[in-house]
Amino acid sequence: MNWLAKTALILVIIGAINWLLVGVFQWDLVAAIFGGNALRSSSSLSRIIYAIVGLAGLYSISFLFTDNGIKSNQ
């Protein structure tokens, strides 16, 4: 995986983990670091979607440790 793809994947993972924090704890890490209202109120459905996106981001961490960034069963 080239440096640009790896950098993009890392940024996507960070964003997804932030959404996981919003979904589970209603807390926005990026807003807390860079200023702004770190607490978010959201509907239950949107919090579920945020949590699912965050879990997908956690799973994507495994792509950083493969040769081409995509796991295969072969």
N, C-alpha and C. Protein backbone atom coordinates (compact mmCIF):
# COMPACT_ATOMS: atom_id res chain seq x y z
N MET A 1 0.86 -1.17 0.00
CA MET A 1 0.00 0.00 0.00
C MET A 1 0.91 1.23 0.00
N ASN A 2 0.63 2.17 -0.90
CA ASN A 2 1.48 3.36 -0.96
C ASN A 2 1.13 4.34 0.16
N TRP A 3 1.96 5.33 0.33
CA TRP A 3 1.80 6.25 1.47
C TRP A 3 0.50 7.04 1.40
N LEU A 4 0.04 7.39 0.20
CA LEU A 4 -1.19 8.16 0.08
C LEU A 4 -2.40 7.32 0.48
N ALA A 5 -2.43 6.08 0.03
CA ALA A 5 -3.54 5.19 0.39
C ALA A 5 -3.54 4.92 1.89
N LYS A 6 -2.37 4.72 2.47
CA LYS A 6 -2.28 4.45 3.91
C LYS A 6 -2.71 5.68 4.71
N THR A 7 -2.31 6.86 4.28
CA THR A 7 -2.70 8.10 4.95
C THR A 7 -4.22 8.30 4.88
N ALA A 8 -4.77 8.05 3.70
CA ALA A 8 -6.23 8.18 3.55
C ALA A 8 -6.96 7.18 4.43
N LEU A 9 -6.47 5.96 4.49
CA LEU A 9 -7.11 4.94 5.33
C LEU A 9 -7.03 5.33 6.80
N ILE A 10 -5.91 5.85 7.24
CA ILE A 10 -5.78 6.28 8.63
C ILE A 10 -6.76 7.40 8.95
N LEU A 11 -6.91 8.35 8.05
CA LEU A 11 -7.87 9.45 8.28
C LEU A 11 -9.31 8.94 8.33
N VAL A 12 -9.63 7.99 7.47
CA VAL A 12 -10.97 7.39 7.48
C VAL A 12 -11.21 6.65 8.80
N ILE A 13 -10.21 5.93 9.27
CA ILE A 13 -10.34 5.21 10.54
C ILE A 13 -10.53 6.18 11.70
N ILE A 14 -9.78 7.27 11.72
CA ILE A 14 -9.93 8.27 12.78
C ILE A 14 -11.33 8.87 12.75
N GLY A 15 -11.81 9.18 11.55
CA GLY A 15 -13.17 9.72 11.43
C GLY A 15 -14.22 8.74 11.90
N ALA A 16 -14.04 7.47 11.55
CA ALA A 16 -15.01 6.46 11.96
C ALA A 16 -15.00 6.26 13.47
N ILE A 17 -13.82 6.29 14.07
CA ILE A 17 -13.74 6.17 15.53
C ILE A 17 -14.40 7.37 16.20
N ASN A 18 -14.26 8.54 15.61
CA ASN A 18 -14.95 9.72 16.14
C ASN A 18 -16.46 9.51 16.09
N TRP A 19 -16.96 8.97 14.98
CA TRP A 19 -18.40 8.71 14.89
C TRP A 19 -18.84 7.65 15.90
N LEU A 20 -17.98 6.68 16.17
CA LEU A 20 -18.31 5.68 17.18
C LEU A 20 -18.47 6.36 18.55
N LEU A 21 -17.56 7.28 18.87
CA LEU A 21 -17.67 8.01 20.13
C LEU A 21 -18.95 8.85 20.18
N VAL A 22 -19.32 9.45 19.05
CA VAL A 22 -20.57 10.23 19.00
C VAL A 22 -21.76 9.29 19.20
N GLY A 23 -21.72 8.14 18.54
CA GLY A 23 -22.85 7.21 18.63
C GLY A 23 -23.02 6.60 20.00
N VAL A 24 -21.93 6.25 20.64
CA VAL A 24 -22.01 5.55 21.92
C VAL A 24 -22.09 6.53 23.09
N PHE A 25 -21.26 7.58 23.07
CA PHE A 25 -21.16 8.47 24.23
C PHE A 25 -21.70 9.88 23.97
N GLN A 26 -22.14 10.18 22.75
CA GLN A 26 -22.57 11.52 22.35
C GLN A 26 -21.47 12.54 22.59
N TRP A 27 -20.23 12.13 22.31
CA TRP A 27 -19.07 12.98 22.54
C TRP A 27 -18.22 13.03 21.28
N ASP A 28 -17.94 14.23 20.80
CA ASP A 28 -17.21 14.45 19.54
C ASP A 28 -15.75 14.77 19.86
N LEU A 29 -14.86 13.82 19.59
CA LEU A 29 -13.45 13.98 19.89
C LEU A 29 -12.82 15.12 19.10
N VAL A 30 -13.15 15.23 17.82
CA VAL A 30 -12.56 16.27 16.98
C VAL A 30 -12.95 17.66 17.49
N ALA A 31 -14.22 17.84 17.86
CA ALA A 31 -14.66 19.12 18.40
C ALA A 31 -13.98 19.41 19.73
N ALA A 32 -13.76 18.37 20.53
CA ALA A 32 -13.10 18.56 21.81
C ALA A 32 -11.65 19.00 21.63
N ILE A 33 -10.98 18.46 20.62
CA ILE A 33 -9.57 18.80 20.39
C ILE A 33 -9.44 20.18 19.77
N PHE A 34 -10.26 20.49 18.77
CA PHE A 34 -10.08 21.71 17.99
C PHE A 34 -11.05 22.83 18.35
N GLY A 35 -11.80 22.66 19.39
CA GLY A 35 -12.73 23.70 19.84
C GLY A 35 -14.12 23.45 19.31
N GLY A 36 -15.08 23.84 20.08
CA GLY A 36 -16.46 23.62 19.69
C GLY A 36 -17.20 22.83 20.75
N ASN A 37 -18.43 22.57 20.48
CA ASN A 37 -19.28 21.84 21.41
C ASN A 37 -19.01 20.35 21.25
N ALA A 38 -18.38 19.74 22.24
CA ALA A 38 -18.00 18.33 22.15
C ALA A 38 -19.18 17.40 22.41
N LEU A 39 -20.21 17.90 23.06
CA LEU A 39 -21.38 17.06 23.34
C LEU A 39 -22.40 17.26 22.24
N ARG A 40 -22.90 16.14 21.70
CA ARG A 40 -23.90 16.19 20.63
C ARG A 40 -25.14 15.43 21.07
N SER A 41 -26.27 15.99 20.78
CA SER A 41 -27.50 15.24 21.01
C SER A 41 -28.00 14.76 19.65
N SER A 42 -28.34 13.49 19.59
CA SER A 42 -28.77 12.88 18.34
C SER A 42 -29.92 11.93 18.61
N SER A 43 -30.65 11.60 17.57
CA SER A 43 -31.73 10.62 17.71
C SER A 43 -31.13 9.24 17.90
N SER A 44 -31.94 8.33 18.38
CA SER A 44 -31.46 6.96 18.61
C SER A 44 -31.03 6.30 17.31
N LEU A 45 -31.77 6.52 16.24
CA LEU A 45 -31.44 5.91 14.97
C LEU A 45 -30.11 6.43 14.44
N SER A 46 -29.88 7.73 14.53
CA SER A 46 -28.61 8.27 14.05
C SER A 46 -27.45 7.77 14.91
N ARG A 47 -27.66 7.60 16.20
CA ARG A 47 -26.60 7.07 17.06
C ARG A 47 -26.26 5.63 16.69
N ILE A 48 -27.25 4.86 16.29
CA ILE A 48 -26.99 3.48 15.85
C ILE A 48 -26.16 3.48 14.57
N ILE A 49 -26.51 4.36 13.63
CA ILE A 49 -25.76 4.47 12.38
C ILE A 49 -24.33 4.91 12.66
N TYR A 50 -24.15 5.90 13.52
CA TYR A 50 -22.81 6.36 13.88
C TYR A 50 -21.99 5.21 14.48
N ALA A 51 -22.60 4.43 15.35
CA ALA A 51 -21.90 3.32 15.98
C ALA A 51 -21.50 2.26 14.96
N ILE A 52 -22.37 1.98 14.00
CA ILE A 52 -22.06 1.00 12.95
C ILE A 52 -20.88 1.48 12.10
N VAL A 53 -20.90 2.75 11.74
CA VAL A 53 -19.78 3.32 10.97
C VAL A 53 -18.49 3.22 11.78
N GLY A 54 -18.57 3.49 13.07
CA GLY A 54 -17.39 3.40 13.93
C GLY A 54 -16.86 1.99 14.03
N LEU A 55 -17.74 1.01 14.13
CA LEU A 55 -17.29 -0.38 14.17
C LEU A 55 -16.63 -0.78 12.86
N ALA A 56 -17.16 -0.29 11.75
CA ALA A 56 -16.53 -0.55 10.45
C ALA A 56 -15.13 0.06 10.41
N GLY A 57 -14.96 1.21 11.02
CA GLY A 57 -13.64 1.84 11.09
C GLY A 57 -12.67 1.02 11.92
N LEU A 58 -13.15 0.47 13.02
CA LEU A 58 -12.28 -0.39 13.83
C LEU A 58 -11.85 -1.62 13.04
N TYR A 59 -12.77 -2.20 12.29
CA TYR A 59 -12.45 -3.35 11.44
C TYR A 59 -11.42 -2.96 10.37
N SER A 60 -11.51 -1.75 9.87
CA SER A 60 -10.61 -1.29 8.81
C SER A 60 -9.17 -1.16 9.27
N ILE A 61 -8.94 -1.13 10.57
CA ILE A 61 -7.57 -1.09 11.07
C ILE A 61 -6.79 -2.29 10.56
N SER A 62 -7.46 -3.42 10.42
CA SER A 62 -6.77 -4.63 9.95
C SER A 62 -6.24 -4.46 8.53
N PHE A 63 -6.81 -3.58 7.73
CA PHE A 63 -6.35 -3.35 6.36
C PHE A 63 -4.97 -2.71 6.33
N LEU A 64 -4.60 -2.02 7.39
CA LEU A 64 -3.28 -1.39 7.44
C LEU A 64 -2.15 -2.42 7.46
N PHE A 65 -2.46 -3.64 7.87
CA PHE A 65 -1.43 -4.65 8.07
C PHE A 65 -1.42 -5.72 6.99
N THR A 66 -2.07 -5.45 5.86
CA THR A 66 -2.02 -6.37 4.73
C THR A 66 -1.22 -5.72 3.62
N ASP A 67 -0.76 -6.52 2.67
CA ASP A 67 0.08 -6.01 1.60
C ASP A 67 -0.61 -4.98 0.73
N ASN A 68 -1.84 -5.26 0.33
CA ASN A 68 -2.53 -4.34 -0.58
C ASN A 68 -3.69 -3.61 0.08
N GLY A 69 -3.88 -3.81 1.37
CA GLY A 69 -4.94 -3.10 2.07
C GLY A 69 -6.28 -3.80 2.02
N ILE A 70 -6.35 -4.93 1.29
CA ILE A 70 -7.61 -5.66 1.18
C ILE A 70 -7.32 -7.11 1.54
N LYS A 71 -8.07 -7.64 2.47
CA LYS A 71 -7.90 -9.04 2.83
C LYS A 71 -8.61 -9.92 1.81
N SER A 72 -8.03 -11.05 1.51
CA SER A 72 -8.69 -12.01 0.65
C SER A 72 -8.61 -13.39 1.29
N ASN A 73 -9.49 -14.25 0.89
CA ASN A 73 -9.52 -15.59 1.44
C ASN A 73 -8.64 -16.56 0.67
N GLN A 74 -7.89 -16.08 -0.29
CA GLN A 74 -7.05 -16.96 -1.12
C GLN A 74 -5.71 -17.17 -0.50
